[in-house]
PDB file of N, CA and C in Angstrom:
ATOM      1  N   UNK A   1     -44.447-101.614 181.548  1.00  0.00           N
ATOM      2  CA  UNK A   1     -44.164-100.900 183.047  1.00  0.00           C
ATOM      3  C   UNK A   1     -44.191-101.834 184.192  1.00  0.00           C
ATOM      4  N   UNK A   2     -43.258-101.535 184.881  1.00  0.00           N
ATOM      5  CA  UNK A   2     -42.707-102.554 186.052  1.00  0.00           C
ATOM      6  C   UNK A   2     -44.678-102.838 186.955  1.00  0.00           C
ATOM      7  N   UNK A   3     -44.737-103.693 187.151  1.00  0.00           N
ATOM      8  CA  UNK A   3     -46.025-103.919 187.591  1.00  0.00           C
ATOM      9  C   UNK A   3     -46.038-103.301 189.137  1.00  0.00           C
ATOM     10  N   UNK A   4     -45.209-103.303 189.679  1.00  0.00           N
ATOM     11  CA  UNK A   4     -45.718-102.591 191.041  1.00  0.00           C
ATOM     12  C   UNK A   4     -45.813-101.283 190.826  1.00  0.00           C
ATOM     13  N   UNK A   5     -45.417-100.349 189.585  1.00  0.00           N
ATOM     14  CA  UNK A   5     -46.236 -99.004 189.438  1.00  0.00           C
ATOM     15  C   UNK A   5     -47.365 -98.846 188.898  1.00  0.00           C
ATOM     16  N   UNK A   6     -47.886-100.003 188.267  1.00  0.00           N
ATOM     17  CA  UNK A   6     -49.088-100.180 187.425  1.00  0.00           C
ATOM     18  C   UNK A   6     -50.263 -99.225 188.396  1.00  0.00           C
ATOM     19  N   UNK A   7     -50.375 -99.796 189.494  1.00  0.00           N
ATOM     20  CA  UNK A   7     -51.336 -99.201 190.488  1.00  0.00           C
ATOM     21  C   UNK A   7     -51.198 -97.574 190.742  1.00  0.00           C
ATOM     22  N   UNK A   8     -49.712 -97.115 190.824  1.00  0.00           N
ATOM     23  CA  UNK A   8     -49.684 -95.594 190.594  1.00  0.00           C
ATOM     24  C   UNK A   8     -50.175 -94.800 189.520  1.00  0.00           C
ATOM     25  N   UNK A   9     -49.879 -95.502 188.272  1.00  0.00           N
ATOM     26  CA  UNK A   9     -50.578 -94.569 187.292  1.00  0.00           C
ATOM     27  C   UNK A   9     -52.055 -95.050 187.092  1.00  0.00           C
ATOM     28  N   UNK A  10     -52.635 -96.085 187.328  1.00  0.00           N
ATOM     29  CA  UNK A  10     -53.884 -95.949 187.468  1.00  0.00           C
ATOM     30  C   UNK A  10     -54.543 -94.707 188.336  1.00  0.00           C
ATOM     31  N   UNK A  11     -53.834 -94.589 189.435  1.00  0.00           N
ATOM     32  CA  UNK A  11     -54.150 -93.891 190.427  1.00  0.00           C
ATOM     33  C   UNK A  11     -54.366 -92.648 189.602  1.00  0.00           C
ATOM     34  N   UNK A  12     -53.192 -92.199 189.213  1.00  0.00           N
ATOM     35  CA  UNK A  12     -52.752 -90.921 188.359  1.00  0.00           C
ATOM     36  C   UNK A  12     -53.868 -90.298 187.329  1.00  0.00           C
ATOM     37  N   UNK A  13     -53.867 -91.539 186.660  1.00  0.00           N
ATOM     38  CA  UNK A  13     -55.063 -91.181 185.314  1.00  0.00           C
ATOM     39  C   UNK A  13     -56.191 -91.408 186.167  1.00  0.00           C
ATOM     40  N   UNK A  14     -56.717 -91.519 187.147  1.00  0.00           N
ATOM     41  CA  UNK A  14     -58.044 -91.460 187.788  1.00  0.00           C
ATOM     42  C   UNK A  14     -58.309 -90.395 188.324  1.00  0.00           C
ATOM     43  N   UNK A  15     -57.185 -89.647 188.562  1.00  0.00           N
ATOM     44  CA  UNK A  15     -57.039 -88.462 189.164  1.00  0.00           C
ATOM     45  C   UNK A  15     -57.710 -88.618 190.647  1.00  0.00           C
ATOM     46  N   UNK A  16     -57.002 -89.450 191.334  1.00  0.00           N
ATOM     47  CA  UNK A  16     -57.285 -89.845 192.644  1.00  0.00           C
ATOM     48  C   UNK A  16     -56.254 -89.400 193.588  1.00  0.00           C
ATOM     49  N   UNK A  17     -56.126 -88.008 194.359  1.00  0.00           N
ATOM     50  CA  UNK A  17     -54.860 -87.886 194.850  1.00  0.00           C
ATOM     51  C   UNK A  17     -54.410 -88.669 196.079  1.00  0.00           C
ATOM     52  N   UNK A  18     -55.243 -88.905 197.007  1.00  0.00           N
ATOM     53  CA  UNK A  18     -55.172 -89.797 197.860  1.00  0.00           C
ATOM     54  C   UNK A  18     -54.648 -90.905 197.414  1.00  0.00           C
ATOM     55  N   UNK A  19     -55.099 -91.871 196.563  1.00  0.00           N
ATOM     56  CA  UNK A  19     -54.448 -93.109 196.292  1.00  0.00           C
ATOM     57  C   UNK A  19     -53.193 -92.570 195.401  1.00  0.00           C
ATOM     58  N   UNK A  20     -52.766 -91.670 195.000  1.00  0.00           N
ATOM     59  CA  UNK A  20     -51.626 -91.220 194.845  1.00  0.00           C
ATOM     60  C   UNK A  20     -50.362 -91.313 195.649  1.00  0.00           C
ATOM     61  N   UNK A  21     -51.347 -90.595 196.834  1.00  0.00           N
ATOM     62  CA  UNK A  21     -50.491 -90.276 197.820  1.00  0.00           C
ATOM     63  C   UNK A  21     -49.790 -91.603 199.019  1.00  0.00           C
ATOM     64  N   UNK A  22     -50.622 -92.742 198.594  1.00  0.00           N
ATOM     65  CA  UNK A  22     -50.266 -93.859 199.309  1.00  0.00           C
ATOM     66  C   UNK A  22     -49.194 -94.246 198.868  1.00  0.00           C
ATOM     67  N   UNK A  23     -48.653 -94.149 197.706  1.00  0.00           N
ATOM     68  CA  UNK A  23     -47.190 -94.831 197.038  1.00  0.00           C
ATOM     69  C   UNK A  23     -45.973 -93.940 197.711  1.00  0.00           C
ATOM     70  N   UNK A  24     -46.262 -92.670 198.187  1.00  0.00           N
ATOM     71  CA  UNK A  24     -45.117 -91.903 198.864  1.00  0.00           C
ATOM     72  C   UNK A  24     -44.783 -92.129 200.058  1.00  0.00           C
ATOM     73  N   UNK A  25     -43.169 -91.928 200.411  1.00  0.00           N
ATOM     74  CA  UNK A  25     -42.896 -91.938 201.727  1.00  0.00           C
ATOM     75  C   UNK A  25     -43.303 -90.256 202.593  1.00  0.00           C
ATOM     76  N   UNK A  26     -43.592 -90.607 203.531  1.00  0.00           N
ATOM     77  CA  UNK A  26     -43.662 -89.256 204.079  1.00  0.00           C
ATOM     78  C   UNK A  26     -42.624 -88.243 203.819  1.00  0.00           C
ATOM     79  N   UNK A  27     -41.655 -88.474 203.537  1.00  0.00           N
ATOM     80  CA  UNK A  27     -40.622 -87.523 203.533  1.00  0.00           C
ATOM     81  C   UNK A  27     -40.106 -87.212 202.118  1.00  0.00           C
ATOM     82  N   UNK A  28     -41.032 -87.638 201.277  1.00  0.00           N
ATOM     83  CA  UNK A  28     -40.686 -87.466 199.658  1.00  0.00           C
ATOM     84  C   UNK A  28     -40.335 -86.480 199.518  1.00  0.00           C
ATOM     85  N   UNK A  29     -39.574 -86.099 198.166  1.00  0.00           N
ATOM     86  CA  UNK A  29     -39.092 -84.705 197.449  1.00  0.00           C
ATOM     87  C   UNK A  29     -39.899 -85.020 196.558  1.00  0.00           C
ATOM     88  N   UNK A  30     -40.227 -84.184 195.891  1.00  0.00           N
ATOM     89  CA  UNK A  30     -41.596 -84.216 194.372  1.00  0.00           C
ATOM     90  C   UNK A  30     -41.054 -83.300 193.859  1.00  0.00           C
ATOM     91  N   UNK A  31     -40.721 -83.485 192.411  1.00  0.00           N
ATOM     92  CA  UNK A  31     -40.470 -82.423 191.345  1.00  0.00           C
ATOM     93  C   UNK A  31     -40.864 -82.537 189.915  1.00  0.00           C
ATOM     94  N   UNK A  32     -42.070 -81.537 189.990  1.00  0.00           N
ATOM     95  CA  UNK A  32     -42.882 -81.700 188.579  1.00  0.00           C
ATOM     96  C   UNK A  32     -42.198 -80.657 187.616  1.00  0.00           C
ATOM     97  N   UNK A  33     -41.638 -80.896 186.519  1.00  0.00           N
ATOM     98  CA  UNK A  33     -40.848 -80.127 185.641  1.00  0.00           C
ATOM     99  C   UNK A  33     -40.046 -78.823 186.242  1.00  0.00           C
ATOM    100  N   UNK A  34     -40.322 -77.714 186.073  1.00  0.00           N
ATOM    101  CA  UNK A  34     -39.370 -76.848 186.553  1.00  0.00           C
ATOM    102  C   UNK A  34     -39.974 -75.853 187.786  1.00  0.00           C
ATOM    103  N   UNK A  35     -40.816 -77.033 188.276  1.00  0.00           N
ATOM    104  CA  UNK A  35     -41.730 -76.173 189.531  1.00  0.00           C
ATOM    105  C   UNK A  35     -41.046 -76.252 190.721  1.00  0.00           C
ATOM    106  N   UNK A  36     -41.003 -75.471 191.657  1.00  0.00           N
ATOM    107  CA  UNK A  36     -39.924 -76.014 192.757  1.00  0.00           C
ATOM    108  C   UNK A  36     -40.335 -77.114 193.731  1.00  0.00           C
ATOM    109  N   UNK A  37     -39.378 -77.549 194.088  1.00  0.00           N
ATOM    110  CA  UNK A  37     -39.676 -78.836 194.641  1.00  0.00           C
ATOM    111  C   UNK A  37     -41.008 -78.930 196.227  1.00  0.00           C
ATOM    112  N   UNK A  38     -41.466 -79.924 196.147  1.00  0.00           N
ATOM    113  CA  UNK A  38     -42.496 -80.141 197.336  1.00  0.00           C
ATOM    114  C   UNK A  38     -41.881 -81.242 198.222  1.00  0.00           C
ATOM    115  N   UNK A  39     -42.122 -80.951 199.326  1.00  0.00           N
ATOM    116  CA  UNK A  39     -41.471 -81.672 200.337  1.00  0.00           C
ATOM    117  C   UNK A  39     -42.613 -82.618 201.165  1.00  0.00           C
ATOM    118  N   UNK A  40     -42.986 -84.197 201.356  1.00  0.00           N
ATOM    119  CA  UNK A  40     -43.755 -84.149 202.210  1.00  0.00           C
ATOM    120  C   UNK A  40     -44.982 -85.149 201.691  1.00  0.00           C
ATOM    121  N   UNK A  41     -45.811 -85.900 201.889  1.00  0.00           N
ATOM    122  CA  UNK A  41     -46.487 -86.437 201.338  1.00  0.00           C
ATOM    123  C   UNK A  41     -47.508 -85.451 201.695  1.00  0.00           C
ATOM    124  N   UNK A  42     -47.973 -85.053 202.471  1.00  0.00           N
ATOM    125  CA  UNK A  42     -49.264 -84.092 202.739  1.00  0.00           C
ATOM    126  C   UNK A  42     -49.282 -83.220 201.754  1.00  0.00           C
ATOM    127  N   UNK A  43     -47.880 -82.435 201.357  1.00  0.00           N
ATOM    128  CA  UNK A  43     -47.819 -81.103 200.473  1.00  0.00           C
ATOM    129  C   UNK A  43     -48.294 -81.502 199.388  1.00  0.00           C
ATOM    130  N   UNK A  44     -47.363 -82.725 199.032  1.00  0.00           N
ATOM    131  CA  UNK A  44     -47.635 -83.429 197.581  1.00  0.00           C
ATOM    132  C   UNK A  44     -49.055 -83.419 197.313  1.00  0.00           C
ATOM    133  N   UNK A  45     -49.597 -84.200 198.002  1.00  0.00           N
ATOM    134  CA  UNK A  45     -51.005 -84.633 197.920  1.00  0.00           C
ATOM    135  C   UNK A  45     -51.961 -83.498 197.578  1.00  0.00           C
ATOM    136  N   UNK A  46     -51.714 -82.418 198.695  1.00  0.00           N
ATOM    137  CA  UNK A  46     -52.604 -81.226 198.417  1.00  0.00           C
ATOM    138  C   UNK A  46     -52.362 -80.637 196.654  1.00  0.00           C
ATOM    139  N   UNK A  47     -51.249 -80.335 196.658  1.00  0.00           N
ATOM    140  CA  UNK A  47     -50.482 -80.132 195.175  1.00  0.00           C
ATOM    141  C   UNK A  47     -51.261 -80.730 193.923  1.00  0.00           C
ATOM    142  N   UNK A  48     -50.936 -81.659 193.850  1.00  0.00           N
ATOM    143  CA  UNK A  48     -51.268 -82.794 192.787  1.00  0.00           C
ATOM    144  C   UNK A  48     -53.058 -83.093 192.946  1.00  0.00           C
ATOM    145  N   UNK A  49     -53.901 -82.741 194.176  1.00  0.00           N
ATOM    146  CA  UNK A  49     -55.031 -82.554 193.975  1.00  0.00           C
ATOM    147  C   UNK A  49     -55.684 -81.380 193.216  1.00  0.00           C
ATOM    148  N   UNK A  50     -55.139 -80.436 193.835  1.00  0.00           N
ATOM    149  CA  UNK A  50     -55.507 -79.016 192.993  1.00  0.00           C
ATOM    150  C   UNK A  50     -55.052 -79.124 191.564  1.00  0.00           C
ATOM    151  N   UNK A  51     -53.730 -79.802 190.900  1.00  0.00           N
ATOM    152  CA  UNK A  51     -53.537 -80.220 189.612  1.00  0.00           C
ATOM    153  C   UNK A  51     -54.683 -81.386 189.082  1.00  0.00           C
ATOM    154  N   UNK A  52     -54.698 -82.236 189.478  1.00  0.00           N
ATOM    155  CA  UNK A  52     -56.187 -83.120 188.997  1.00  0.00           C
ATOM    156  C   UNK A  52     -57.294 -81.975 188.720  1.00  0.00           C
ATOM    157  N   UNK A  53     -57.639 -81.044 189.974  1.00  0.00           N
ATOM    158  CA  UNK A  53     -59.160 -80.712 189.564  1.00  0.00           C
ATOM    159  C   UNK A  53     -58.760 -79.848 188.377  1.00  0.00           C
ATOM    160  N   UNK A  54     -57.498 -79.265 188.091  1.00  0.00           N
ATOM    161  CA  UNK A  54     -57.659 -78.300 186.806  1.00  0.00           C
ATOM    162  C   UNK A  54     -57.538 -78.955 185.271  1.00  0.00           C
ATOM    163  N   UNK A  55     -57.930 -80.324 185.584  1.00  0.00           N
ATOM    164  CA  UNK A  55     -58.080 -80.956 184.387  1.00  0.00           C
ATOM    165  C   UNK A  55     -59.061 -81.684 184.230  1.00  0.00           C
ATOM    166  N   UNK A  56     -59.611 -82.056 183.080  1.00  0.00           N
ATOM    167  CA  UNK A  56     -60.704 -83.043 182.998  1.00  0.00           C
ATOM    168  C   UNK A  56     -60.168 -84.573 183.011  1.00  0.00           C
ATOM    169  N   UNK A  57     -59.375 -84.521 182.526  1.00  0.00           N
ATOM    170  CA  UNK A  57     -58.815 -86.005 182.383  1.00  0.00           C
ATOM    171  C   UNK A  57     -57.262 -86.050 182.096  1.00  0.00           C
ATOM    172  N   UNK A  58     -56.681 -87.301 182.300  1.00  0.00           N
ATOM    173  CA  UNK A  58     -55.200 -87.773 181.763  1.00  0.00           C
ATOM    174  C   UNK A  58     -55.178 -88.973 181.580  1.00  0.00           C
ATOM    175  N   UNK A  59     -54.152 -89.118 180.536  1.00  0.00           N
ATOM    176  CA  UNK A  59     -53.638 -90.841 180.658  1.00  0.00           C
ATOM    177  C   UNK A  59     -52.420 -90.784 180.151  1.00  0.00           C
ATOM    178  N   UNK A  60     -51.896 -91.866 180.629  1.00  0.00           N
ATOM    179  CA  UNK A  60     -50.073 -92.149 180.554  1.00  0.00           C
ATOM    180  C   UNK A  60     -50.272 -93.256 179.516  1.00  0.00           C
ATOM    181  N   UNK A  61     -49.259 -93.206 178.712  1.00  0.00           N
ATOM    182  CA  UNK A  61     -48.563 -94.169 177.808  1.00  0.00           C
ATOM    183  C   UNK A  61     -47.282 -94.695 178.173  1.00  0.00           C
ATOM    184  N   UNK A  62     -47.016 -95.468 178.736  1.00  0.00           N
ATOM    185  CA  UNK A  62     -45.587 -95.516 179.040  1.00  0.00           C
ATOM    186  C   UNK A  62     -44.761 -96.349 178.082  1.00  0.00           C
ATOM    187  N   UNK A  63     -43.817 -96.054 177.515  1.00  0.00           N
ATOM    188  CA  UNK A  63     -43.147 -96.947 176.319  1.00  0.00           C
ATOM    189  C   UNK A  63     -41.801 -97.786 176.744  1.00  0.00           C
ATOM    190  N   UNK A  64     -41.188 -97.247 177.586  1.00  0.00           N
ATOM    191  CA  UNK A  64     -39.940 -98.077 178.504  1.00  0.00           C
ATOM    192  C   UNK A  64     -39.519 -97.428 179.813  1.00  0.00           C
ATOM    193  N   UNK A  65     -38.940 -98.864 180.326  1.00  0.00           N
ATOM    194  CA  UNK A  65     -38.535 -98.123 181.582  1.00  0.00           C
ATOM    195  C   UNK A  65     -37.272 -99.063 181.804  1.00  0.00           C
ATOM    196  N   UNK A  66     -36.414 -98.665 182.915  1.00  0.00           N
ATOM    197  CA  UNK A  66     -35.148 -99.358 183.377  1.00  0.00           C
ATOM    198  C   UNK A  66     -35.173 -99.169 184.975  1.00  0.00           C
ATOM    199  N   UNK A  67     -34.805-100.469 185.169  1.00  0.00           N
ATOM    200  CA  UNK A  67     -34.832-100.603 186.947  1.00  0.00           C
ATOM    201  C   UNK A  67     -32.882-100.878 187.225  1.00  0.00           C
ATOM    202  N   UNK A  68     -32.914-100.056 188.155  1.00  0.00           N
ATOM    203  CA  UNK A  68     -31.260 -99.885 188.679  1.00  0.00           C
ATOM    204  C   UNK A  68     -31.805-100.426 189.922  1.00  0.00           C
ATOM    205  N   UNK A  69     -31.398-101.488 190.658  1.00  0.00           N
ATOM    206  CA  UNK A  69     -31.853-101.693 192.285  1.00  0.00           C
ATOM    207  C   UNK A  69     -33.197-100.897 192.438  1.00  0.00           C
ATOM    208  N   UNK A  70     -33.375-100.216 193.323  1.00  0.00           N
ATOM    209  CA  UNK A  70     -34.446 -99.640 193.972  1.00  0.00           C
ATOM    210  C   UNK A  70     -35.105 -98.561 193.233  1.00  0.00           C
ATOM    211  N   UNK A  71     -33.952 -98.077 191.993  1.00  0.00           N
ATOM    212  CA  UNK A  71     -34.336 -96.770 191.019  1.00  0.00           C
ATOM    213  C   UNK A  71     -35.181 -97.157 189.607  1.00  0.00           C
ATOM    214  N   UNK A  72     -35.878 -95.980 189.315  1.00  0.00           N
ATOM    215  CA  UNK A  72     -36.630 -96.376 188.194  1.00  0.00           C
ATOM    216  C   UNK A  72     -36.729 -95.215 187.229  1.00  0.00           C
ATOM    217  N   UNK A  73     -36.711 -95.370 185.881  1.00  0.00           N
ATOM    218  CA  UNK A  73     -36.734 -94.688 184.967  1.00  0.00           C
ATOM    219  C   UNK A  73     -37.782 -94.991 184.008  1.00  0.00           C
ATOM    220  N   UNK A  74     -38.574 -93.683 183.804  1.00  0.00           N
ATOM    221  CA  UNK A  74     -39.599 -94.232 182.777  1.00  0.00           C
ATOM    222  C   UNK A  74     -39.796 -93.186 181.951  1.00  0.00           C
ATOM    223  N   UNK A  75     -40.208 -93.517 180.788  1.00  0.00           N
ATOM    224  CA  UNK A  75     -40.500 -92.907 179.761  1.00  0.00           C
ATOM    225  C   UNK A  75     -41.996 -93.113 178.818  1.00  0.00           C
ATOM    226  N   UNK A  76     -42.347 -92.311 178.586  1.00  0.00           N
ATOM    227  CA  UNK A  76     -43.743 -92.300 177.707  1.00  0.00           C
ATOM    228  C   UNK A  76     -44.336 -90.896 177.354  1.00  0.00           C
ATOM    229  N   UNK A  77     -45.726 -90.950 176.787  1.00  0.00           N
ATOM    230  CA  UNK A  77     -46.507 -89.696 176.727  1.00  0.00           C
ATOM    231  C   UNK A  77     -47.659 -89.661 177.868  1.00  0.00           C
ATOM    232  N   UNK A  78     -47.814 -88.422 178.130  1.00  0.00           N
ATOM    233  CA  UNK A  78     -49.016 -88.185 178.882  1.00  0.00           C
ATOM    234  C   UNK A  78     -50.046 -87.542 178.084  1.00  0.00           C
ATOM    235  N   UNK A  79     -51.580 -87.798 177.754  1.00  0.00           N
ATOM    236  CA  UNK A  79     -52.180 -86.837 177.342  1.00  0.00           C
ATOM    237  C   UNK A  79     -53.529 -86.168 178.244  1.00  0.00           C
ATOM    238  N   UNK A  80     -53.091 -84.888 178.316  1.00  0.00           N
ATOM    239  CA  UNK A  80     -53.839 -83.824 179.478  1.00  0.00           C
ATOM    240  C   UNK A  80     -55.044 -83.584 178.499  1.00  0.00           C
ATOM    241  N   UNK A  81     -56.358 -83.816 178.949  1.00  0.00           N
ATOM    242  CA  UNK A  81     -57.706 -83.475 178.631  1.00  0.00           C
ATOM    243  C   UNK A  81     -58.203 -82.134 179.429  1.00  0.00           C
ATOM    244  N   UNK A  82     -58.223 -81.064 178.743  1.00  0.00           N
ATOM    245  CA  UNK A  82     -58.592 -79.907 179.523  1.00  0.00           C
ATOM    246  C   UNK A  82     -60.228 -79.695 179.595  1.00  0.00           C
ATOM    247  N   UNK A  83     -60.569 -78.735 180.562  1.00  0.00           N
ATOM    248  CA  UNK A  83     -62.108 -78.652 180.970  1.00  0.00           C
ATOM    249  C   UNK A  83     -62.882 -78.225 179.496  1.00  0.00           C
ATOM    250  N   UNK A  84     -62.427 -77.571 178.544  1.00  0.00           N
ATOM    251  CA  UNK A  84     -63.005 -77.279 177.140  1.00  0.00           C
ATOM    252  C   UNK A  84     -62.889 -78.317 176.012  1.00  0.00           C
ATOM    253  N   UNK A  85     -62.580 -79.822 176.756  1.00  0.00           N
ATOM    254  CA  UNK A  85     -62.248 -80.921 175.877  1.00  0.00           C
ATOM    255  C   UNK A  85     -61.051 -80.455 175.094  1.00  0.00           C
ATOM    256  N   UNK A  86     -60.165 -79.883 174.827  1.00  0.00           N
ATOM    257  CA  UNK A  86     -59.105 -79.690 174.331  1.00  0.00           C
ATOM    258  C   UNK A  86     -57.699 -80.681 174.867  1.00  0.00           C
ATOM    259  N   UNK A  87     -56.923 -81.068 173.844  1.00  0.00           N
ATOM    260  CA  UNK A  87     -56.126 -81.926 174.576  1.00  0.00           C
ATOM    261  C   UNK A  87     -54.933 -81.964 174.397  1.00  0.00           C
ATOM    262  N   UNK A  88     -53.782 -82.099 174.946  1.00  0.00           N
ATOM    263  CA  UNK A  88     -52.540 -81.773 175.019  1.00  0.00           C
ATOM    264  C   UNK A  88     -51.731 -83.060 175.273  1.00  0.00           C
ATOM    265  N   UNK A  89     -50.964 -83.437 173.900  1.00  0.00           N
ATOM    266  CA  UNK A  89     -50.090 -84.795 174.346  1.00  0.00           C
ATOM    267  C   UNK A  89     -48.486 -84.187 174.691  1.00  0.00           C
ATOM    268  N   UNK A  90     -47.764 -85.046 175.793  1.00  0.00           N
ATOM    269  CA  UNK A  90     -46.806 -84.325 175.904  1.00  0.00           C
ATOM    270  C   UNK A  90     -45.807 -85.686 176.165  1.00  0.00           C
ATOM    271  N   UNK A  91     -44.440 -85.614 175.776  1.00  0.00           N
ATOM    272  CA  UNK A  91     -43.749 -86.719 176.240  1.00  0.00           C
ATOM    273  C   UNK A  91     -43.157 -86.383 177.396  1.00  0.00           C
ATOM    274  N   UNK A  92     -42.743 -87.148 178.444  1.00  0.00           N
ATOM    275  CA  UNK A  92     -42.253 -87.197 179.490  1.00  0.00           C
ATOM    276  C   UNK A  92     -41.035 -88.582 180.203  1.00  0.00           C
ATOM    277  N   UNK A  93     -40.627 -88.107 180.832  1.00  0.00           N
ATOM    278  CA  UNK A  93     -39.768 -89.041 181.445  1.00  0.00           C
ATOM    279  C   UNK A  93     -39.657 -88.779 182.987  1.00  0.00           C
ATOM    280  N   UNK A  94     -39.884 -89.908 184.006  1.00  0.00           N
ATOM    281  CA  UNK A  94     -40.130 -89.642 185.732  1.00  0.00           C
ATOM    282  C   UNK A  94     -38.678 -90.813 185.810  1.00  0.00           C
ATOM    283  N   UNK A  95     -38.269 -90.373 186.968  1.00  0.00           N
ATOM    284  CA  UNK A  95     -37.124 -91.161 187.938  1.00  0.00           C
ATOM    285  C   UNK A  95     -37.932 -91.207 189.150  1.00  0.00           C
ATOM    286  N   UNK A  96     -37.542 -92.325 189.671  1.00  0.00           N
ATOM    287  CA  UNK A  96     -38.526 -92.726 190.876  1.00  0.00           C
ATOM    288  C   UNK A  96     -37.106 -93.175 191.918  1.00  0.00           C
ATOM    289  N   UNK A  97     -36.868 -93.257 193.269  1.00  0.00           N
ATOM    290  CA  UNK A  97     -36.302 -93.521 194.156  1.00  0.00           C
ATOM    291  C   UNK A  97     -36.965 -94.235 194.922  1.00  0.00           C
ATOM    292  N   UNK A  98     -36.806 -95.415 195.332  1.00  0.00           N
ATOM    293  CA  UNK A  98     -38.013 -96.180 196.120  1.00  0.00           C
ATOM    294  C   UNK A  98     -36.914 -96.633 197.326  1.00  0.00           C
ATOM    295  N   UNK A  99     -37.538 -96.436 198.560  1.00  0.00           N
ATOM    296  CA  UNK A  99     -37.291 -96.853 199.990  1.00  0.00           C
ATOM    297  C   UNK A  99     -38.029 -97.807 200.836  1.00  0.00           C
ATOM    298  N   UNK A 100     -38.128 -99.246 200.687  1.00  0.00           N
ATOM    299  CA  UNK A 100     -38.584 -99.789 202.045  1.00  0.00           C
ATOM    300  C   UNK A 100     -40.301 -99.957 200.962  1.00  0.00           C
ATOM    301  N   UNK A 101     -40.282 -99.870 199.893  1.00  0.00           N
ATOM    302  CA  UNK A 101     -41.554 -99.785 199.103  1.00  0.00           C
ATOM    303  C   UNK A 101     -42.428 -98.488 198.535  1.00  0.00           C
ATOM    304  N   UNK A 102     -41.643 -97.545 199.329  1.00  0.00           N
ATOM    305  CA  UNK A 102     -42.137 -96.157 198.659  1.00  0.00           C
ATOM    306  C   UNK A 102     -41.364 -95.271 198.091  1.00  0.00           C
ATOM    307  N   UNK A 103     -41.864 -94.721 197.201  1.00  0.00           N
ATOM    308  CA  UNK A 103     -41.077 -93.502 196.678  1.00  0.00           C
ATOM    309  C   UNK A 103     -40.803 -92.331 197.116  1.00  0.00           C
ATOM    310  N   UNK A 104     -39.732 -92.159 197.626  1.00  0.00           N
ATOM    311  CA  UNK A 104     -38.984 -91.160 198.415  1.00  0.00           C
ATOM    312  C   UNK A 104     -38.483 -89.813 197.543  1.00  0.00           C
ATOM    313  N   UNK A 105     -38.160 -90.234 196.253  1.00  0.00           N
ATOM    314  CA  UNK A 105     -37.727 -89.066 195.450  1.00  0.00           C
ATOM    315  C   UNK A 105     -38.804 -89.246 194.168  1.00  0.00           C
ATOM    316  N   UNK A 106     -39.129 -88.545 194.004  1.00  0.00           N
ATOM    317  CA  UNK A 106     -40.129 -88.541 192.608  1.00  0.00           C
ATOM    318  C   UNK A 106     -39.941 -87.206 191.522  1.00  0.00           C
ATOM    319  N   UNK A 107     -39.503 -87.473 190.476  1.00  0.00           N
ATOM    320  CA  UNK A 107     -39.192 -86.433 189.474  1.00  0.00           C
ATOM    321  C   UNK A 107     -39.604 -86.433 188.185  1.00  0.00           C
ATOM    322  N   UNK A 108     -40.419 -85.566 187.553  1.00  0.00           N
ATOM    323  CA  UNK A 108     -41.126 -85.604 186.458  1.00  0.00           C
ATOM    324  C   UNK A 108     -40.626 -84.853 185.435  1.00  0.00           C
ATOM    325  N   UNK A 109     -39.923 -84.858 184.100  1.00  0.00           N
ATOM    326  CA  UNK A 109     -39.454 -84.135 183.230  1.00  0.00           C
ATOM    327  C   UNK A 109     -39.738 -83.946 181.997  1.00  0.00           C
ATOM    328  N   UNK A 110     -40.130 -82.942 181.604  1.00  0.00           N
ATOM    329  CA  UNK A 110     -40.943 -82.752 179.938  1.00  0.00           C
ATOM    330  C   UNK A 110     -41.131 -81.006 180.339  1.00  0.00           C
ATOM    331  N   UNK A 111     -41.713 -80.754 178.915  1.00  0.00           N
ATOM    332  CA  UNK A 111     -42.080 -79.242 178.582  1.00  0.00           C
ATOM    333  C   UNK A 111     -43.589 -79.442 178.813  1.00  0.00           C
ATOM    334  N   UNK A 112     -44.123 -79.069 179.767  1.00  0.00           N
ATOM    335  CA  UNK A 112     -45.529 -79.025 180.129  1.00  0.00           C
ATOM    336  C   UNK A 112     -45.897 -77.361 179.847  1.00  0.00           C
ATOM    337  N   UNK A 113     -45.202 -76.369 179.486  1.00  0.00           N
ATOM    338  CA  UNK A 113     -45.862 -74.992 179.296  1.00  0.00           C
ATOM    339  C   UNK A 113     -46.874 -75.146 178.538  1.00  0.00           C
ATOM    340  N   UNK A 114     -47.419 -75.475 177.546  1.00  0.00           N
ATOM    341  CA  UNK A 114     -48.326 -75.184 176.746  1.00  0.00           C
ATOM    342  C   UNK A 114     -49.516 -75.953 177.581  1.00  0.00           C
ATOM    343  N   UNK A 115     -49.463 -76.893 178.703  1.00  0.00           N
ATOM    344  CA  UNK A 115     -50.699 -76.960 179.656  1.00  0.00           C
ATOM    345  C   UNK A 115     -51.335 -75.592 180.109  1.00  0.00           C
ATOM    346  N   UNK A 116     -50.479 -74.680 180.185  1.00  0.00           N
ATOM    347  CA  UNK A 116     -51.169 -73.639 180.857  1.00  0.00           C
ATOM    348  C   UNK A 116     -51.641 -72.659 179.977  1.00  0.00           C
ATOM    349  N   UNK A 117     -51.550 -73.117 178.453  1.00  0.00           N
ATOM    350  CA  UNK A 117     -52.431 -72.018 177.538  1.00  0.00           C
ATOM    351  C   UNK A 117     -53.498 -72.311 177.550  1.00  0.00           C
TER     352      UNK A 117
END
């Protein structure tokens, strides 16, 4: 994993929406799978806080990444732990566009439909 993104995924796995939001530009566009895009750091932080509260835990295992200038592509597996203790493991890919050290475009690709089950 690129060392500059390790703290980002530590914040995500800790379910810390405020720490997560510090990595985002004020005008970030965030797209989680097939959900409508979210715009702006505050809107993303609020949505992510709600998402984190719906889970008992999550853990990312990053397997590959590619850097092209200030653009990153990452691939891995995320394990979600529901409040009932059951777990769901999903492969994912993320793309990031970075501007002035902050993520200005964040997209998560994967089939997360079983998470709602």
